[in-house]
Amino acid sequence: MTGLFSLAGRTAMVTGASRGLGRAIALGLADAGASLILAARDGAKLEETAEEIRAAGGRAQTIAFDLADLEAVQAATDRLNADGAAIDILVNNGAIGGWGPLHESTLAHWENMFDVNVSSMYLLCRDLSKDMAARKWGRIINFASYVSDTGRPNLSAYVASKHAVLGLTRSIAADLAPHGVTCNAIAPGFFDTDMAAPTVGHPERAKIFRSAIALHRFGDPKEMVGPVQFLASDASAYITGHMLPVDGGVANILSLPVVVET
């Protein structure tokens, strides 16, 4: 790939890269010329993604850690900086979800949601952007959600965490703008991934949710590649603090139900 969307000579780190959207994103960034650092809990699955990149002529390495373990996240950023990883593009895709009525929720659930979806992202952004700022170029892409600027029943912890992602993204954008580093968010809707399996894989639920999506279908993980390549490249050099919906139009539809798995 050449021109504005080329990532040749860049190093990109993707969290949650062992499956789903993260895996598709990693393959797409490699296809655009970037060298990849793949992160997730499952080292074996990460290596499968890395091998696919290498087989296509790309470069990839892996680093396994759990986003729920903030000490492990800190150790990972320390190691990457000590090794001179020089990350140009950080894609904070790894996250967890979870349904449940407010009165049945627990503080432990809330804290785990924020550790994985927000606190780990904060640490990765804080520590890995220092080198970007020193080199006067960087791209941070944080995964928010179609619920990042609204409210939904039975999703209090998840929705709150994704609102926090949007606030964090905009604040980091302001912090890093003078240093040539942009920070944007992507707000995915429903994609056909393992995380969405309780909905996508359930015929009746899938029918209801598809009817509330403007395009009347779930997204293919490969359809996330273009938006990420755009925000990671020079094509988006004058965009920062923005949230880009990639949701088939679902954010514009108010009738989407929330079904609690039983």
Protein backbone atom coordinates (compact mmCIF):
# COMPACT_ATOMS: atom_id res chain seq x y z
CA MET A 1 0.00 0.00 0.00
CA THR A 2 1.27 3.46 -0.90
CA GLY A 3 0.13 7.03 -0.34
CA LEU A 4 -1.79 8.53 2.55
CA PHE A 5 -2.95 5.18 3.92
CA SER A 6 0.45 3.50 3.90
CA LEU A 7 1.81 2.42 7.29
CA ALA A 8 5.19 1.32 5.97
CA GLY A 9 7.89 1.90 8.56
CA ARG A 10 5.37 2.22 11.40
CA THR A 11 5.02 -0.05 14.42
CA ALA A 12 1.50 -0.74 15.67
CA MET A 13 0.35 -2.39 18.88
CA VAL A 14 -3.12 -3.94 19.03
CA THR A 15 -4.71 -5.25 22.23
CA GLY A 16 -7.23 -8.07 22.06
CA ALA A 17 -5.42 -9.24 18.92
CA SER A 18 -5.97 -12.97 19.41
CA ARG A 19 -9.50 -13.04 17.97
CA GLY A 20 -12.43 -11.07 16.60
CA LEU A 21 -12.02 -7.41 15.77
CA GLY A 22 -8.50 -7.25 17.19
CA ARG A 23 -7.27 -10.05 14.98
CA ALA A 24 -8.85 -8.51 11.86
CA ILE A 25 -7.37 -5.12 12.73
CA ALA A 26 -3.90 -6.56 13.24
CA LEU A 27 -4.00 -8.34 9.88
CA GLY A 28 -5.24 -5.16 8.21
CA LEU A 29 -2.53 -2.95 9.69
CA ALA A 30 0.09 -5.48 8.64
CA ASP A 31 -1.35 -5.45 5.13
CA ALA A 32 -0.89 -1.66 5.11
CA GLY A 33 2.80 -2.14 5.90
CA ALA A 34 3.01 -1.81 9.68
CA SER A 35 5.06 -4.06 11.94
CA LEU A 36 2.82 -5.49 14.65
CA ILE A 37 3.03 -6.00 18.39
CA LEU A 38 0.11 -8.24 19.33
CA ALA A 39 -1.28 -8.27 22.86
CA ALA A 40 -3.90 -10.43 24.60
CA ARG A 41 -4.21 -12.99 27.40
CA ASP A 42 -3.91 -16.08 25.21
CA GLY A 43 -0.31 -16.35 24.04
CA ALA A 44 -1.00 -19.38 21.84
CA LYS A 45 -3.81 -17.63 19.97
CA LEU A 46 -1.65 -14.52 19.61
CA GLU A 47 1.06 -16.61 18.02
CA GLU A 48 -1.45 -17.94 15.47
CA THR A 49 -2.24 -14.36 14.43
CA ALA A 50 1.46 -13.52 14.33
CA GLU A 51 2.20 -16.55 12.15
CA GLU A 52 -0.50 -15.51 9.69
CA ILE A 53 1.08 -12.06 9.43
CA ARG A 54 4.55 -13.53 8.95
CA ALA A 55 3.30 -15.99 6.33
CA ALA A 56 2.05 -13.02 4.30
CA GLY A 57 5.48 -11.39 4.52
CA GLY A 58 4.79 -9.10 7.47
CA ARG A 59 6.51 -8.64 10.81
CA ALA A 60 4.86 -9.47 14.13
CA GLN A 61 5.77 -10.17 17.73
CA THR A 62 3.57 -11.02 20.70
CA ILE A 63 3.28 -9.98 24.33
CA ALA A 64 0.77 -11.82 26.52
CA PHE A 65 -0.86 -10.13 29.51
CA ASP A 66 -4.31 -9.73 31.04
CA LEU A 67 -5.92 -6.28 30.86
CA ALA A 68 -7.70 -7.07 34.13
CA ASP A 69 -4.34 -7.29 35.91
CA LEU A 70 -3.15 -3.70 36.10
CA GLU A 71 0.22 -4.70 37.51
CA ALA A 72 0.72 -6.93 34.48
CA VAL A 73 -0.28 -4.06 32.19
CA GLN A 74 2.25 -1.80 33.88
CA ALA A 75 4.93 -4.48 33.59
CA ALA A 76 4.16 -4.83 29.88
CA THR A 77 4.50 -1.11 29.18
CA ASP A 78 7.72 -0.99 31.20
CA ARG A 79 9.11 -3.90 29.19
CA LEU A 80 8.10 -2.41 25.84
CA ASN A 81 9.67 0.94 26.67
CA ALA A 82 12.82 -0.70 28.03
CA ASP A 83 13.12 -2.77 24.85
CA GLY A 84 12.80 0.34 22.68
CA ALA A 85 9.59 -0.80 21.02
CA ALA A 86 9.02 2.70 19.56
CA ILE A 87 5.30 2.18 19.03
CA ASP A 88 3.80 4.62 16.52
CA ILE A 89 0.21 3.37 16.57
CA LEU A 90 -1.66 2.10 19.63
CA VAL A 91 -5.01 0.39 19.10
CA ASN A 92 -6.78 -0.20 22.41
CA ASN A 93 -9.32 -2.76 21.22
CA GLY A 94 -9.35 -5.25 24.11
CA ALA A 95 -12.45 -5.03 26.31
CA ILE A 96 -15.15 -6.99 28.09
CA GLY A 97 -18.92 -6.70 28.19
CA GLY A 98 -21.62 -7.89 30.55
CA TRP A 99 -25.38 -7.73 30.97
CA GLY A 100 -27.37 -7.54 34.20
CA PRO A 101 -30.03 -5.55 36.03
CA LEU A 102 -28.70 -2.72 38.20
CA HIS A 103 -30.01 -4.22 41.45
CA GLU A 104 -28.31 -7.54 40.74
CA SER A 105 -24.94 -6.00 39.88
CA THR A 106 -21.94 -6.02 42.21
CA LEU A 107 -19.07 -3.68 42.96
CA ALA A 108 -16.66 -6.43 41.88
CA HIS A 109 -18.33 -6.51 38.43
CA TRP A 110 -18.11 -2.71 38.20
CA GLU A 111 -14.44 -2.64 39.20
CA ASN A 112 -13.49 -5.42 36.79
CA MET A 113 -15.28 -3.63 33.95
CA PHE A 114 -13.37 -0.42 34.64
CA ASP A 115 -10.03 -2.19 35.11
CA VAL A 116 -10.28 -3.86 31.70
CA ASN A 117 -12.10 -1.21 29.68
CA VAL A 118 -10.67 2.00 31.16
CA SER A 119 -7.78 1.71 33.62
CA SER A 120 -5.68 -0.57 31.41
CA MET A 121 -6.32 1.78 28.48
CA TYR A 122 -5.20 4.75 30.58
CA LEU A 123 -1.94 3.01 31.49
CA LEU A 124 -1.22 1.98 27.92
CA CYS A 125 -1.96 5.46 26.58
CA ARG A 126 0.01 7.21 29.30
CA ASP A 127 3.13 5.08 29.08
CA LEU A 128 3.32 4.26 25.37
CA SER A 129 2.58 7.80 24.18
CA LYS A 130 5.70 9.24 25.81
CA ASP A 131 7.90 7.98 23.00
CA MET A 132 5.35 9.09 20.40
CA ALA A 133 5.43 12.61 21.83
CA ALA A 134 9.22 12.65 21.83
CA ARG A 135 9.22 11.69 18.13
CA LYS A 136 6.41 14.16 17.29
CA TRP A 137 4.21 11.54 15.62
CA GLY A 138 1.70 9.06 16.94
CA ARG A 139 -1.77 7.63 16.57
CA ILE A 140 -3.91 6.34 19.44
CA ILE A 141 -7.20 4.62 18.61
CA ASN A 142 -9.40 3.70 21.56
CA PHE A 143 -12.40 1.43 21.19
CA ALA A 144 -15.51 2.99 22.65
CA SER A 145 -19.04 1.77 21.81
CA TYR A 146 -22.30 2.80 20.22
CA VAL A 147 -23.45 3.38 23.83
CA SER A 148 -20.60 5.81 24.61
CA ASP A 149 -22.86 8.86 24.45
CA THR A 150 -26.17 7.41 25.57
CA GLY A 151 -27.68 5.22 28.29
CA ARG A 152 -28.95 1.64 28.12
CA PRO A 153 -30.79 -0.50 30.66
CA ASN A 154 -29.07 -3.54 32.19
CA LEU A 155 -25.65 -2.26 31.12
CA SER A 156 -24.76 0.28 33.80
CA ALA A 157 -21.13 -0.76 34.31
CA TYR A 158 -20.43 -1.32 30.62
CA VAL A 159 -22.06 1.92 29.49
CA ALA A 160 -20.28 3.92 32.20
CA SER A 161 -16.94 2.41 31.19
CA LYS A 162 -17.50 3.29 27.54
CA HIS A 163 -18.50 6.86 28.44
CA ALA A 164 -15.21 7.00 30.32
CA VAL A 165 -13.34 5.81 27.22
CA LEU A 166 -14.77 8.72 25.24
CA GLY A 167 -13.84 11.24 27.94
CA LEU A 168 -10.36 9.76 28.25
CA THR A 169 -9.90 9.88 24.48
CA ARG A 170 -10.85 13.54 24.23
CA SER A 171 -8.66 14.54 27.17
CA ILE A 172 -5.64 12.63 25.85
CA ALA A 173 -6.21 14.25 22.46
CA ALA A 174 -5.93 17.66 24.13
CA ASP A 175 -2.84 16.62 26.10
CA LEU A 176 -0.95 15.22 23.12
CA ALA A 177 -2.00 17.56 20.31
CA PRO A 178 0.99 19.88 20.84
CA HIS A 179 3.28 16.87 20.39
CA GLY A 180 1.99 15.68 17.01
CA VAL A 181 0.03 12.75 18.45
CA THR A 182 -3.65 12.25 17.64
CA CYS A 183 -6.10 10.30 19.78
CA ASN A 184 -9.46 9.19 18.45
CA ALA A 185 -12.12 6.65 19.33
CA ILE A 186 -14.05 4.15 17.27
CA ALA A 187 -17.57 3.24 18.35
CA PRO A 188 -18.43 -0.21 16.99
CA GLY A 189 -21.93 -1.56 16.83
CA PHE A 190 -22.73 -5.26 16.53
CA PHE A 191 -20.10 -7.38 14.80
CA ASP A 192 -20.10 -11.12 14.25
CA THR A 193 -17.48 -11.95 16.90
CA ASP A 194 -17.14 -14.24 19.90
CA MET A 195 -17.98 -11.34 22.23
CA ALA A 196 -21.34 -10.86 20.49
CA ALA A 197 -22.12 -14.58 20.28
CA PRO A 198 -24.99 -14.47 22.84
CA THR A 199 -26.79 -12.13 20.43
CA VAL A 200 -25.47 -13.05 16.99
CA GLY A 201 -25.72 -16.79 17.66
CA HIS A 202 -29.26 -16.68 19.06
CA PRO A 203 -31.80 -16.74 16.17
CA GLU A 204 -34.59 -14.75 17.83
CA ARG A 205 -32.30 -12.17 19.40
CA ALA A 206 -30.32 -11.83 16.18
CA LYS A 207 -33.53 -11.13 14.26
CA ILE A 208 -34.57 -8.41 16.71
CA PHE A 209 -31.18 -6.73 16.71
CA ARG A 210 -30.76 -6.89 12.93
CA SER A 211 -34.13 -5.16 12.52
CA ALA A 212 -32.84 -2.24 14.60
CA ILE A 213 -29.65 -1.79 12.56
CA ALA A 214 -30.04 0.53 9.58
CA LEU A 215 -28.13 -1.87 7.32
CA HIS A 216 -30.08 -4.84 8.76
CA ARG A 217 -27.03 -7.03 9.30
CA PHE A 218 -24.16 -7.57 11.70
CA GLY A 219 -20.73 -6.27 10.78
CA ASP A 220 -17.97 -8.49 9.49
CA PRO A 221 -14.73 -7.96 11.47
CA LYS A 222 -12.95 -7.16 8.18
CA GLU A 223 -15.19 -4.10 7.89
CA MET A 224 -13.36 -2.56 10.84
CA VAL A 225 -10.04 -2.59 9.00
CA GLY A 226 -10.66 0.45 6.79
CA PRO A 227 -11.68 2.82 9.61
CA VAL A 228 -8.68 1.79 11.71
CA GLN A 229 -6.27 2.12 8.79
CA PHE A 230 -7.66 5.61 8.19
CA LEU A 231 -7.22 6.78 11.79
CA ALA A 232 -3.77 5.15 11.98
CA SER A 233 -2.46 6.82 8.82
CA ASP A 234 -1.46 10.25 7.56
CA ALA A 235 -4.91 10.47 5.96
CA SER A 236 -6.34 11.43 9.37
CA ALA A 237 -3.57 13.86 10.36
CA TYR A 238 -6.03 16.71 11.05
CA ILE A 239 -8.50 14.66 13.11
CA THR A 240 -8.18 14.27 16.88
CA GLY A 241 -10.57 13.94 19.82
CA HIS A 242 -13.20 12.46 17.52
CA MET A 243 -15.42 9.37 17.92
CA LEU A 244 -16.11 7.54 14.67
CA PRO A 245 -19.19 5.26 14.70
CA VAL A 246 -18.73 2.01 12.77
CA ASP A 247 -22.09 0.48 13.55
CA GLY A 248 -24.26 -0.01 10.49
CA GLY A 249 -26.39 2.91 11.65
CA VAL A 250 -27.50 1.43 14.98
CA ALA A 251 -26.56 4.52 17.02
CA ASN A 252 -29.24 6.48 15.16
CA ILE A 253 -32.02 4.05 16.06
CA LEU A 254 -33.68 4.43 19.45
CA SER A 255 -35.75 1.24 19.53
CA LEU A 256 -32.88 -1.23 20.03
CA PRO A 257 -33.88 -3.62 22.84
CA VAL A 258 -31.59 -5.06 25.47
CA VAL A 259 -32.06 -8.77 26.06
CA VAL A 260 -30.63 -10.23 29.25
CA GLU A 261 -29.29 -13.74 28.76
CA THR A 262 -31.02 -16.32 30.96
